[in-house]
Amino acid sequence: YKELLAMPNVLILAISAFPARLAYSMIALGIFFKTEQTTGSVAAAGLAIGLNSLAGSLTAGVRGSVMDRWGQKWPLRILVPSYAAMILALNTMQSKETLLITAFVLGATAPPINLSVRPLWKDIVPDSYLRTAYAFDSSMMSTTSVIGPVVITALMLSDRPGFGLGTIATLMLIGGIALSLTPAS
């Protein structure tokens, strides 16, 4: 990894993508805890994250084709702030129906951060380092998938649970905008 990290745009890309990836690793549990705390129903909370995941999987191809057609910068600059605003709106909701609908919409409109990052490695590292770059990228995603759930659980079970979704929105904004401003994008 030493030679890989010495390349100029590698560290910029990794640091830019990390906050948004961390936000993604937190969103499902954030939706779960918000719904459970608001409705008092674990079943409704499970349904909310199920709807979020279903919508995300059904629209992944469409969101990826948007990136193929218009590139990364403008779709990210539009989708990321919109997604963060919806997370903040979710934070204020009090009815089961609006929570479920918003969880579904969040899944359907999630900015394609991972779809944005993976192809950039091919543009910024020589072919001889591509496998190492992909391994580094996978390590970064795995790290966020371990850290994120711990962080969001601690925040949502604290005396200020609203701070959890606010943190996700902030991380998404920081990472998504940083990614859209990187030279590689």
N, C-alpha and C. Protein backbone atom coordinates (compact mmCIF):
# COMPACT_ATOMS: atom_id res chain seq x y z
N TYR A 1 0.81 -1.20 0.00
CA TYR A 1 0.00 0.00 0.00
C TYR A 1 0.86 1.27 0.00
N LYS A 2 2.10 1.14 0.41
CA LYS A 2 2.95 2.32 0.55
C LYS A 2 3.10 3.08 -0.76
N GLU A 3 3.38 2.36 -1.83
CA GLU A 3 3.55 3.01 -3.13
C GLU A 3 2.21 3.59 -3.63
N LEU A 4 1.13 2.86 -3.35
CA LEU A 4 -0.19 3.31 -3.76
C LEU A 4 -0.55 4.63 -3.08
N LEU A 5 -0.32 4.72 -1.79
CA LEU A 5 -0.67 5.93 -1.05
C LEU A 5 0.23 7.11 -1.38
N ALA A 6 1.38 6.83 -2.00
CA ALA A 6 2.28 7.92 -2.41
C ALA A 6 1.80 8.59 -3.69
N MET A 7 0.88 7.96 -4.40
CA MET A 7 0.36 8.56 -5.63
C MET A 7 -0.56 9.73 -5.26
N PRO A 8 -0.45 10.85 -5.98
CA PRO A 8 -1.11 12.08 -5.55
C PRO A 8 -2.62 12.02 -5.36
N ASN A 9 -3.36 11.45 -6.26
CA ASN A 9 -4.82 11.50 -6.17
C ASN A 9 -5.43 10.35 -5.36
N VAL A 10 -4.63 9.37 -4.99
CA VAL A 10 -5.15 8.21 -4.26
C VAL A 10 -5.67 8.62 -2.90
N LEU A 11 -4.85 9.34 -2.15
CA LEU A 11 -5.26 9.75 -0.81
C LEU A 11 -6.43 10.72 -0.86
N ILE A 12 -6.43 11.60 -1.85
CA ILE A 12 -7.55 12.54 -2.00
C ILE A 12 -8.86 11.78 -2.24
N LEU A 13 -8.83 10.80 -3.13
CA LEU A 13 -10.03 10.02 -3.41
C LEU A 13 -10.48 9.23 -2.18
N ALA A 14 -9.55 8.61 -1.49
CA ALA A 14 -9.90 7.81 -0.31
C ALA A 14 -10.50 8.68 0.79
N ILE A 15 -9.89 9.81 1.07
CA ILE A 15 -10.38 10.70 2.12
C ILE A 15 -11.73 11.30 1.73
N SER A 16 -11.90 11.63 0.46
CA SER A 16 -13.16 12.22 0.00
C SER A 16 -14.32 11.24 0.11
N ALA A 17 -14.08 9.99 -0.21
CA ALA A 17 -15.15 8.99 -0.22
C ALA A 17 -15.50 8.47 1.17
N PHE A 18 -14.56 8.54 2.11
CA PHE A 18 -14.76 7.93 3.42
C PHE A 18 -16.00 8.44 4.17
N PRO A 19 -16.22 9.75 4.30
CA PRO A 19 -17.40 10.19 5.07
C PRO A 19 -18.73 9.71 4.49
N ALA A 20 -18.87 9.75 3.17
CA ALA A 20 -20.13 9.31 2.55
C ALA A 20 -20.31 7.81 2.73
N ARG A 21 -19.25 7.06 2.62
CA ARG A 21 -19.34 5.61 2.83
C ARG A 21 -19.68 5.30 4.28
N LEU A 22 -19.15 6.09 5.19
CA LEU A 22 -19.49 5.92 6.60
C LEU A 22 -20.98 6.22 6.81
N ALA A 23 -21.47 7.26 6.15
CA ALA A 23 -22.90 7.59 6.25
C ALA A 23 -23.75 6.44 5.73
N TYR A 24 -23.36 5.84 4.62
CA TYR A 24 -24.12 4.70 4.08
C TYR A 24 -24.14 3.53 5.06
N SER A 25 -23.04 3.33 5.77
CA SER A 25 -23.01 2.20 6.71
C SER A 25 -23.86 2.47 7.94
N MET A 26 -24.30 3.71 8.11
CA MET A 26 -25.09 4.10 9.28
C MET A 26 -26.58 4.26 8.97
N ILE A 27 -26.94 4.44 7.72
CA ILE A 27 -28.30 4.86 7.39
C ILE A 27 -29.36 3.81 7.75
N ALA A 28 -29.12 2.55 7.50
CA ALA A 28 -30.14 1.53 7.78
C ALA A 28 -30.48 1.48 9.27
N LEU A 29 -29.45 1.47 10.11
CA LEU A 29 -29.71 1.46 11.55
C LEU A 29 -30.30 2.78 12.01
N GLY A 30 -29.90 3.87 11.38
CA GLY A 30 -30.49 5.17 11.72
C GLY A 30 -31.98 5.18 11.44
N ILE A 31 -32.37 4.65 10.29
CA ILE A 31 -33.79 4.55 9.94
C ILE A 31 -34.50 3.61 10.92
N PHE A 32 -33.86 2.49 11.23
CA PHE A 32 -34.45 1.53 12.15
C PHE A 32 -34.72 2.17 13.52
N PHE A 33 -33.69 2.78 14.09
CA PHE A 33 -33.86 3.37 15.43
C PHE A 33 -34.86 4.52 15.43
N LYS A 34 -34.82 5.37 14.41
CA LYS A 34 -35.77 6.48 14.34
C LYS A 34 -37.20 5.95 14.29
N THR A 35 -37.44 4.96 13.45
CA THR A 35 -38.79 4.41 13.31
C THR A 35 -39.22 3.70 14.59
N GLU A 36 -38.33 2.93 15.18
CA GLU A 36 -38.68 2.21 16.41
C GLU A 36 -38.93 3.18 17.56
N GLN A 37 -38.10 4.19 17.68
CA GLN A 37 -38.27 5.16 18.77
C GLN A 37 -39.53 5.99 18.59
N THR A 38 -39.88 6.29 17.36
CA THR A 38 -41.07 7.12 17.10
C THR A 38 -42.36 6.33 17.22
N THR A 39 -42.36 5.11 16.68
CA THR A 39 -43.60 4.32 16.66
C THR A 39 -43.71 3.34 17.82
N GLY A 40 -42.59 2.99 18.42
CA GLY A 40 -42.59 1.97 19.46
C GLY A 40 -42.72 0.56 18.90
N SER A 41 -42.56 0.42 17.60
CA SER A 41 -42.76 -0.87 16.95
C SER A 41 -41.48 -1.34 16.26
N VAL A 42 -40.97 -2.49 16.68
CA VAL A 42 -39.82 -3.10 16.02
C VAL A 42 -40.21 -3.58 14.63
N ALA A 43 -41.44 -4.06 14.48
CA ALA A 43 -41.91 -4.52 13.17
C ALA A 43 -41.92 -3.38 12.16
N ALA A 44 -42.41 -2.21 12.57
CA ALA A 44 -42.41 -1.05 11.67
C ALA A 44 -40.98 -0.63 11.33
N ALA A 45 -40.10 -0.70 12.32
CA ALA A 45 -38.70 -0.35 12.08
C ALA A 45 -38.05 -1.32 11.08
N GLY A 46 -38.34 -2.61 11.23
CA GLY A 46 -37.83 -3.59 10.28
C GLY A 46 -38.38 -3.38 8.89
N LEU A 47 -39.67 -3.04 8.80
CA LEU A 47 -40.28 -2.75 7.52
C LEU A 47 -39.64 -1.52 6.88
N ALA A 48 -39.32 -0.52 7.68
CA ALA A 48 -38.70 0.71 7.15
C ALA A 48 -37.35 0.41 6.51
N ILE A 49 -36.51 -0.37 7.20
CA ILE A 49 -35.20 -0.64 6.58
C ILE A 49 -35.33 -1.62 5.42
N GLY A 50 -36.34 -2.49 5.48
CA GLY A 50 -36.60 -3.37 4.34
C GLY A 50 -37.02 -2.58 3.11
N LEU A 51 -37.90 -1.61 3.29
CA LEU A 51 -38.32 -0.76 2.18
C LEU A 51 -37.15 0.05 1.63
N ASN A 52 -36.31 0.55 2.54
CA ASN A 52 -35.14 1.32 2.12
C ASN A 52 -34.21 0.46 1.28
N SER A 53 -33.94 -0.75 1.73
CA SER A 53 -33.04 -1.66 0.99
C SER A 53 -33.65 -2.09 -0.34
N LEU A 54 -34.94 -2.39 -0.34
CA LEU A 54 -35.62 -2.79 -1.57
C LEU A 54 -35.55 -1.67 -2.61
N ALA A 55 -35.87 -0.46 -2.20
CA ALA A 55 -35.84 0.67 -3.14
C ALA A 55 -34.43 0.90 -3.65
N GLY A 56 -33.45 0.77 -2.78
CA GLY A 56 -32.06 0.96 -3.20
C GLY A 56 -31.63 -0.07 -4.22
N SER A 57 -32.02 -1.32 -4.01
CA SER A 57 -31.62 -2.36 -4.96
C SER A 57 -32.36 -2.24 -6.29
N LEU A 58 -33.62 -1.83 -6.24
CA LEU A 58 -34.40 -1.69 -7.48
C LEU A 58 -33.93 -0.53 -8.35
N THR A 59 -33.37 0.49 -7.74
CA THR A 59 -32.99 1.68 -8.50
C THR A 59 -31.49 1.83 -8.72
N ALA A 60 -30.69 0.87 -8.26
CA ALA A 60 -29.24 0.98 -8.40
C ALA A 60 -28.82 1.12 -9.86
N GLY A 61 -29.43 0.36 -10.74
CA GLY A 61 -29.09 0.44 -12.16
C GLY A 61 -29.43 1.79 -12.77
N VAL A 62 -30.58 2.31 -12.39
CA VAL A 62 -31.00 3.63 -12.90
C VAL A 62 -30.03 4.70 -12.42
N ARG A 63 -29.70 4.66 -11.13
CA ARG A 63 -28.79 5.65 -10.58
C ARG A 63 -27.40 5.54 -11.22
N GLY A 64 -26.97 4.32 -11.50
CA GLY A 64 -25.70 4.12 -12.19
C GLY A 64 -25.73 4.64 -13.61
N SER A 65 -26.85 4.46 -14.30
CA SER A 65 -26.95 4.96 -15.68
C SER A 65 -26.98 6.49 -15.72
N VAL A 66 -27.49 7.11 -14.67
CA VAL A 66 -27.43 8.57 -14.58
C VAL A 66 -25.98 9.02 -14.56
N MET A 67 -25.15 8.29 -13.81
CA MET A 67 -23.73 8.61 -13.75
C MET A 67 -23.05 8.37 -15.10
N ASP A 68 -23.44 7.29 -15.76
CA ASP A 68 -22.86 7.00 -17.08
C ASP A 68 -23.20 8.09 -18.07
N ARG A 69 -24.42 8.57 -18.01
CA ARG A 69 -24.87 9.55 -18.99
C ARG A 69 -24.34 10.96 -18.74
N TRP A 70 -24.36 11.40 -17.48
CA TRP A 70 -24.00 12.79 -17.19
C TRP A 70 -22.70 12.94 -16.39
N GLY A 71 -21.99 11.85 -16.16
CA GLY A 71 -20.76 11.94 -15.37
C GLY A 71 -21.09 11.97 -13.88
N GLN A 72 -20.09 12.26 -13.09
CA GLN A 72 -20.25 12.19 -11.65
C GLN A 72 -20.55 13.52 -10.98
N LYS A 73 -19.93 14.57 -11.48
CA LYS A 73 -19.98 15.84 -10.75
C LYS A 73 -21.39 16.35 -10.51
N TRP A 74 -22.16 16.55 -11.55
CA TRP A 74 -23.47 17.17 -11.38
C TRP A 74 -24.50 16.26 -10.73
N PRO A 75 -24.55 14.99 -11.09
CA PRO A 75 -25.49 14.13 -10.33
C PRO A 75 -25.18 14.10 -8.83
N LEU A 76 -23.89 14.04 -8.47
CA LEU A 76 -23.56 14.04 -7.04
C LEU A 76 -23.89 15.38 -6.40
N ARG A 77 -23.65 16.44 -7.11
CA ARG A 77 -23.92 17.77 -6.55
C ARG A 77 -25.42 18.03 -6.38
N ILE A 78 -26.24 17.28 -7.08
CA ILE A 78 -27.70 17.41 -6.92
C ILE A 78 -28.22 16.36 -5.93
N LEU A 79 -27.82 15.10 -6.13
CA LEU A 79 -28.36 14.02 -5.30
C LEU A 79 -27.90 14.08 -3.84
N VAL A 80 -26.66 14.44 -3.60
CA VAL A 80 -26.13 14.43 -2.24
C VAL A 80 -26.85 15.44 -1.34
N PRO A 81 -26.96 16.72 -1.72
CA PRO A 81 -27.69 17.65 -0.84
C PRO A 81 -29.17 17.28 -0.68
N SER A 82 -29.78 16.76 -1.74
CA SER A 82 -31.18 16.34 -1.65
C SER A 82 -31.34 15.19 -0.68
N TYR A 83 -30.44 14.23 -0.74
CA TYR A 83 -30.47 13.07 0.15
C TYR A 83 -30.26 13.51 1.60
N ALA A 84 -29.30 14.39 1.82
CA ALA A 84 -29.03 14.89 3.18
C ALA A 84 -30.25 15.64 3.72
N ALA A 85 -30.90 16.42 2.87
CA ALA A 85 -32.10 17.15 3.31
C ALA A 85 -33.22 16.18 3.67
N MET A 86 -33.36 15.10 2.90
CA MET A 86 -34.40 14.10 3.23
C MET A 86 -34.10 13.39 4.55
N ILE A 87 -32.83 13.17 4.84
CA ILE A 87 -32.47 12.55 6.12
C ILE A 87 -32.85 13.49 7.27
N LEU A 88 -32.58 14.77 7.08
CA LEU A 88 -32.96 15.75 8.11
C LEU A 88 -34.47 15.83 8.25
N ALA A 89 -35.18 15.72 7.14
CA ALA A 89 -36.65 15.71 7.20
C ALA A 89 -37.14 14.46 7.93
N LEU A 90 -36.53 13.32 7.65
CA LEU A 90 -36.89 12.08 8.34
C LEU A 90 -36.74 12.24 9.85
N ASN A 91 -35.74 12.97 10.24
CA ASN A 91 -35.46 13.19 11.65
C ASN A 91 -36.61 13.90 12.38
N THR A 92 -37.43 14.64 11.64
CA THR A 92 -38.52 15.41 12.25
C THR A 92 -39.87 14.70 12.18
N MET A 93 -39.94 13.61 11.44
CA MET A 93 -41.22 12.95 11.20
C MET A 93 -41.71 12.19 12.43
N GLN A 94 -43.04 12.13 12.56
CA GLN A 94 -43.64 11.51 13.75
C GLN A 94 -44.68 10.44 13.44
N SER A 95 -45.02 10.22 12.17
CA SER A 95 -46.02 9.19 11.87
C SER A 95 -45.36 8.00 11.16
N LYS A 96 -45.91 6.84 11.42
CA LYS A 96 -45.38 5.62 10.84
C LYS A 96 -45.42 5.68 9.31
N GLU A 97 -46.50 6.17 8.76
CA GLU A 97 -46.65 6.20 7.31
C GLU A 97 -45.58 7.08 6.66
N THR A 98 -45.36 8.28 7.20
CA THR A 98 -44.36 9.17 6.60
C THR A 98 -42.96 8.61 6.77
N LEU A 99 -42.70 7.94 7.87
CA LEU A 99 -41.39 7.31 8.08
C LEU A 99 -41.16 6.22 7.05
N LEU A 100 -42.17 5.39 6.81
CA LEU A 100 -42.03 4.30 5.84
C LEU A 100 -41.86 4.82 4.42
N ILE A 101 -42.65 5.81 4.06
CA ILE A 101 -42.55 6.40 2.71
C ILE A 101 -41.18 7.04 2.51
N THR A 102 -40.74 7.80 3.51
CA THR A 102 -39.45 8.47 3.39
C THR A 102 -38.30 7.47 3.36
N ALA A 103 -38.39 6.38 4.13
CA ALA A 103 -37.36 5.34 4.08
C ALA A 103 -37.26 4.76 2.67
N PHE A 104 -38.41 4.53 2.04
CA PHE A 104 -38.43 4.02 0.67
C PHE A 104 -37.81 5.03 -0.30
N VAL A 105 -38.20 6.28 -0.19
CA VAL A 105 -37.68 7.34 -1.08
C VAL A 105 -36.18 7.50 -0.88
N LEU A 106 -35.71 7.44 0.36
CA LEU A 106 -34.27 7.52 0.62
C LEU A 106 -33.52 6.40 -0.09
N GLY A 107 -34.07 5.20 -0.06
CA GLY A 107 -33.44 4.09 -0.76
C GLY A 107 -33.41 4.30 -2.26
N ALA A 108 -34.50 4.82 -2.79
CA ALA A 108 -34.62 5.01 -4.24
C ALA A 108 -33.73 6.13 -4.76
N THR A 109 -33.42 7.10 -3.92
CA THR A 109 -32.68 8.27 -4.38
C THR A 109 -31.28 8.38 -3.79
N ALA A 110 -30.79 7.31 -3.20
CA ALA A 110 -29.46 7.35 -2.59
C ALA A 110 -28.39 7.68 -3.64
N PRO A 111 -27.54 8.65 -3.36
CA PRO A 111 -26.48 8.98 -4.32
C PRO A 111 -25.55 7.78 -4.53
N PRO A 112 -25.20 7.48 -5.75
CA PRO A 112 -24.38 6.30 -6.02
C PRO A 112 -22.89 6.53 -5.71
N ILE A 113 -22.58 6.67 -4.43
CA ILE A 113 -21.20 6.95 -4.02
C ILE A 113 -20.27 5.80 -4.40
N ASN A 114 -20.63 4.57 -4.04
CA ASN A 114 -19.75 3.44 -4.36
C ASN A 114 -19.61 3.24 -5.86
N LEU A 115 -20.70 3.45 -6.59
CA LEU A 115 -20.63 3.37 -8.05
C LEU A 115 -19.75 4.47 -8.63
N SER A 116 -19.60 5.56 -7.89
CA SER A 116 -18.77 6.67 -8.34
C SER A 116 -17.29 6.43 -8.09
N VAL A 117 -17.00 5.82 -6.96
CA VAL A 117 -15.60 5.68 -6.55
C VAL A 117 -14.88 4.58 -7.31
N ARG A 118 -15.48 3.43 -7.44
CA ARG A 118 -14.81 2.26 -8.02
C ARG A 118 -14.18 2.56 -9.39
N PRO A 119 -14.90 3.15 -10.34
CA PRO A 119 -14.28 3.39 -11.65
C PRO A 119 -13.14 4.41 -11.63
N LEU A 120 -13.10 5.27 -10.62
CA LEU A 120 -12.07 6.30 -10.58
C LEU A 120 -10.68 5.73 -10.32
N TRP A 121 -10.62 4.59 -9.66
CA TRP A 121 -9.31 4.00 -9.40
C TRP A 121 -8.59 3.69 -10.72
N LYS A 122 -9.35 3.26 -11.70
CA LYS A 122 -8.75 2.93 -13.00
C LYS A 122 -8.14 4.16 -13.66
N ASP A 123 -8.71 5.33 -13.36
CA ASP A 123 -8.22 6.57 -13.95
C ASP A 123 -7.02 7.17 -13.22
N ILE A 124 -6.84 6.83 -11.94
CA ILE A 124 -5.79 7.51 -11.19
C ILE A 124 -4.58 6.65 -10.84
N VAL A 125 -4.67 5.34 -11.04
CA VAL A 125 -3.50 4.49 -10.76
C VAL A 125 -3.11 3.73 -12.02
N PRO A 126 -1.83 3.43 -12.16
CA PRO A 126 -1.40 2.60 -13.29
C PRO A 126 -2.01 1.21 -13.19
N ASP A 127 -2.13 0.54 -14.33
CA ASP A 127 -2.71 -0.80 -14.36
C ASP A 127 -2.02 -1.77 -13.40
N SER A 128 -0.73 -1.61 -13.21
CA SER A 128 0.01 -2.51 -12.32
C SER A 128 -0.41 -2.36 -10.86
N TYR A 129 -1.07 -1.26 -10.50
CA TYR A 129 -1.53 -1.04 -9.12
C TYR A 129 -3.04 -1.15 -8.98
N LEU A 130 -3.72 -1.52 -10.04
CA LEU A 130 -5.18 -1.52 -10.01
C LEU A 130 -5.73 -2.53 -8.99
N ARG A 131 -5.18 -3.73 -8.95
CA ARG A 131 -5.67 -4.71 -7.97
C ARG A 131 -5.42 -4.23 -6.54
N THR A 132 -4.29 -3.62 -6.33
CA THR A 132 -3.99 -3.08 -5.00
C THR A 132 -4.96 -1.96 -4.65
N ALA A 133 -5.26 -1.12 -5.62
CA ALA A 133 -6.21 -0.03 -5.38
C ALA A 133 -7.60 -0.57 -5.08
N TYR A 134 -8.02 -1.59 -5.79
CA TYR A 134 -9.33 -2.20 -5.52
C TYR A 134 -9.35 -2.86 -4.13
N ALA A 135 -8.24 -3.48 -3.75
CA ALA A 135 -8.15 -4.08 -2.42
C ALA A 135 -8.21 -3.00 -1.35
N PHE A 136 -7.52 -1.90 -1.58
CA PHE A 136 -7.55 -0.78 -0.65
C PHE A 136 -8.97 -0.22 -0.53
N ASP A 137 -9.63 -0.08 -1.67
CA ASP A 137 -11.01 0.42 -1.70
C ASP A 137 -11.94 -0.54 -0.94
N SER A 138 -11.78 -1.82 -1.14
CA SER A 138 -12.59 -2.80 -0.42
C SER A 138 -12.32 -2.76 1.08
N SER A 139 -11.07 -2.56 1.45
CA SER A 139 -10.72 -2.43 2.87
C SER A 139 -11.39 -1.22 3.48
N MET A 140 -11.41 -0.13 2.73
CA MET A 140 -12.04 1.08 3.22
C MET A 140 -13.55 0.86 3.41
N MET A 141 -14.19 0.21 2.45
CA MET A 141 -15.62 -0.08 2.58
C MET A 141 -15.90 -1.01 3.75
N SER A 142 -15.05 -2.00 3.93
CA SER A 142 -15.22 -2.93 5.05
C SER A 142 -15.04 -2.21 6.39
N THR A 143 -14.09 -1.31 6.44
CA THR A 143 -13.85 -0.55 7.67
C THR A 143 -15.08 0.28 8.03
N THR A 144 -15.66 0.94 7.05
CA THR A 144 -16.85 1.75 7.34
C THR A 144 -18.03 0.87 7.74
N SER A 145 -18.10 -0.33 7.17
CA SER A 145 -19.23 -1.21 7.52
C SER A 145 -19.11 -1.76 8.94
N VAL A 146 -17.93 -1.69 9.53
CA VAL A 146 -17.74 -2.10 10.93
C VAL A 146 -17.93 -0.91 11.86
N ILE A 147 -17.36 0.22 11.50
CA ILE A 147 -17.40 1.41 12.36
C ILE A 147 -18.79 2.05 12.38
N GLY A 148 -19.41 2.19 11.23
CA GLY A 148 -20.68 2.90 11.10
C GLY A 148 -21.78 2.41 12.03
N PRO A 149 -22.07 1.11 12.04
CA PRO A 149 -23.14 0.63 12.93
C PRO A 149 -22.87 0.91 14.41
N VAL A 150 -21.62 0.84 14.82
CA VAL A 150 -21.28 1.13 16.22
C VAL A 150 -21.55 2.60 16.52
N VAL A 151 -21.13 3.47 15.61
CA VAL A 151 -21.31 4.91 15.82
C VAL A 151 -22.79 5.28 15.86
N ILE A 152 -23.56 4.81 14.89
CA ILE A 152 -24.98 5.20 14.84
C ILE A 152 -25.75 4.60 16.01
N THR A 153 -25.41 3.40 16.43
CA THR A 153 -26.09 2.82 17.58
C THR A 153 -25.82 3.65 18.83
N ALA A 154 -24.57 4.04 19.03
CA ALA A 154 -24.24 4.87 20.19
C ALA A 154 -24.98 6.21 20.14
N LEU A 155 -25.05 6.81 18.96
CA LEU A 155 -25.72 8.11 18.83
C LEU A 155 -27.23 8.00 19.02
N MET A 156 -27.84 6.98 18.40
CA MET A 156 -29.30 6.85 18.47
C MET A 156 -29.79 6.39 19.85
N LEU A 157 -28.93 5.74 20.61
CA LEU A 157 -29.33 5.29 21.95
C LEU A 157 -28.87 6.28 23.03
N SER A 158 -28.33 7.41 22.61
CA SER A 158 -27.90 8.43 23.56
C SER A 158 -29.10 9.26 24.01
N ASP A 159 -28.84 10.25 24.83
CA ASP A 159 -29.93 11.11 25.29
C ASP A 159 -30.36 12.12 24.22
N ARG A 160 -29.65 12.15 23.09
CA ARG A 160 -30.02 13.00 21.96
C ARG A 160 -30.02 12.17 20.67
N PRO A 161 -31.02 11.33 20.49
CA PRO A 161 -31.03 10.43 19.33
C PRO A 161 -31.12 11.16 17.99
N GLY A 162 -31.69 12.35 17.96
CA GLY A 162 -31.77 13.10 16.70
C GLY A 162 -30.42 13.45 16.13
N PHE A 163 -29.42 13.46 16.98
CA PHE A 163 -28.06 13.77 16.54
C PHE A 163 -27.54 12.69 15.58
N GLY A 164 -28.05 11.46 15.71
CA GLY A 164 -27.60 10.37 14.85
C GLY A 164 -27.89 10.61 13.38
N LEU A 165 -29.15 10.93 13.05
CA LEU A 165 -29.50 11.19 11.65
C LEU A 165 -28.84 12.49 11.16
N GLY A 166 -28.70 13.45 12.05
CA GLY A 166 -27.98 14.69 11.68
C GLY A 166 -26.53 14.40 11.30
N THR A 167 -25.92 13.48 12.01
CA THR A 167 -24.54 13.08 11.72
C THR A 167 -24.46 12.40 10.36
N ILE A 168 -25.43 11.55 10.07
CA ILE A 168 -25.45 10.87 8.76
C ILE A 168 -25.57 11.91 7.64
N ALA A 169 -26.48 12.85 7.80
CA ALA A 169 -26.67 13.89 6.77
C ALA A 169 -25.39 14.70 6.58
N THR A 170 -24.74 15.04 7.68
CA THR A 170 -23.50 15.82 7.61
C THR A 170 -22.40 15.04 6.92
N LEU A 171 -22.22 13.78 7.29
CA LEU A 171 -21.20 12.95 6.66
C LEU A 171 -21.46 12.78 5.16
N MET A 172 -22.73 12.61 4.79
CA MET A 172 -23.07 12.46 3.38
C MET A 172 -22.73 13.74 2.62
N LEU A 173 -23.09 14.88 3.18
CA LEU A 173 -22.77 16.16 2.53
C LEU A 173 -21.26 16.34 2.37
N ILE A 174 -20.52 16.12 3.44
CA ILE A 174 -19.07 16.30 3.38
C ILE A 174 -18.45 15.36 2.34
N GLY A 175 -18.77 14.08 2.43
CA GLY A 175 -18.18 13.10 1.52
C GLY A 175 -18.64 13.25 0.09
N GLY A 176 -19.95 13.44 -0.10
CA GLY A 176 -20.47 13.55 -1.47
C GLY A 176 -19.97 14.78 -2.20
N ILE A 177 -19.95 15.90 -1.50
CA ILE A 177 -19.46 17.13 -2.13
C ILE A 177 -17.95 17.04 -2.35
N ALA A 178 -17.22 16.52 -1.37
CA ALA A 178 -15.77 16.35 -1.54
C ALA A 178 -15.46 15.44 -2.74
N LEU A 179 -16.22 14.37 -2.85
CA LEU A 179 -16.02 13.46 -3.97
C LEU A 179 -16.30 14.14 -5.30
N SER A 180 -17.36 14.94 -5.35
CA SER A 180 -17.70 15.62 -6.61
C SER A 180 -16.68 16.69 -6.98
N LEU A 181 -15.88 17.13 -6.01
CA LEU A 181 -14.86 18.17 -6.27
C LEU A 181 -13.47 17.61 -6.51
N THR A 182 -13.29 16.30 -6.36
CA THR A 182 -11.95 15.73 -6.56
C THR A 182 -11.54 15.84 -8.02
N PRO A 183 -10.25 15.99 -8.25
CA PRO A 183 -9.77 16.05 -9.65
C PRO A 183 -10.14 14.81 -10.45
N ALA A 184 -10.18 13.65 -9.80
CA ALA A 184 -10.49 12.40 -10.50
C ALA A 184 -11.94 12.38 -11.02
N SER A 185 -12.83 13.03 -10.30
CA SER A 185 -14.23 13.06 -10.76
C SER A 185 -14.36 13.89 -12.01
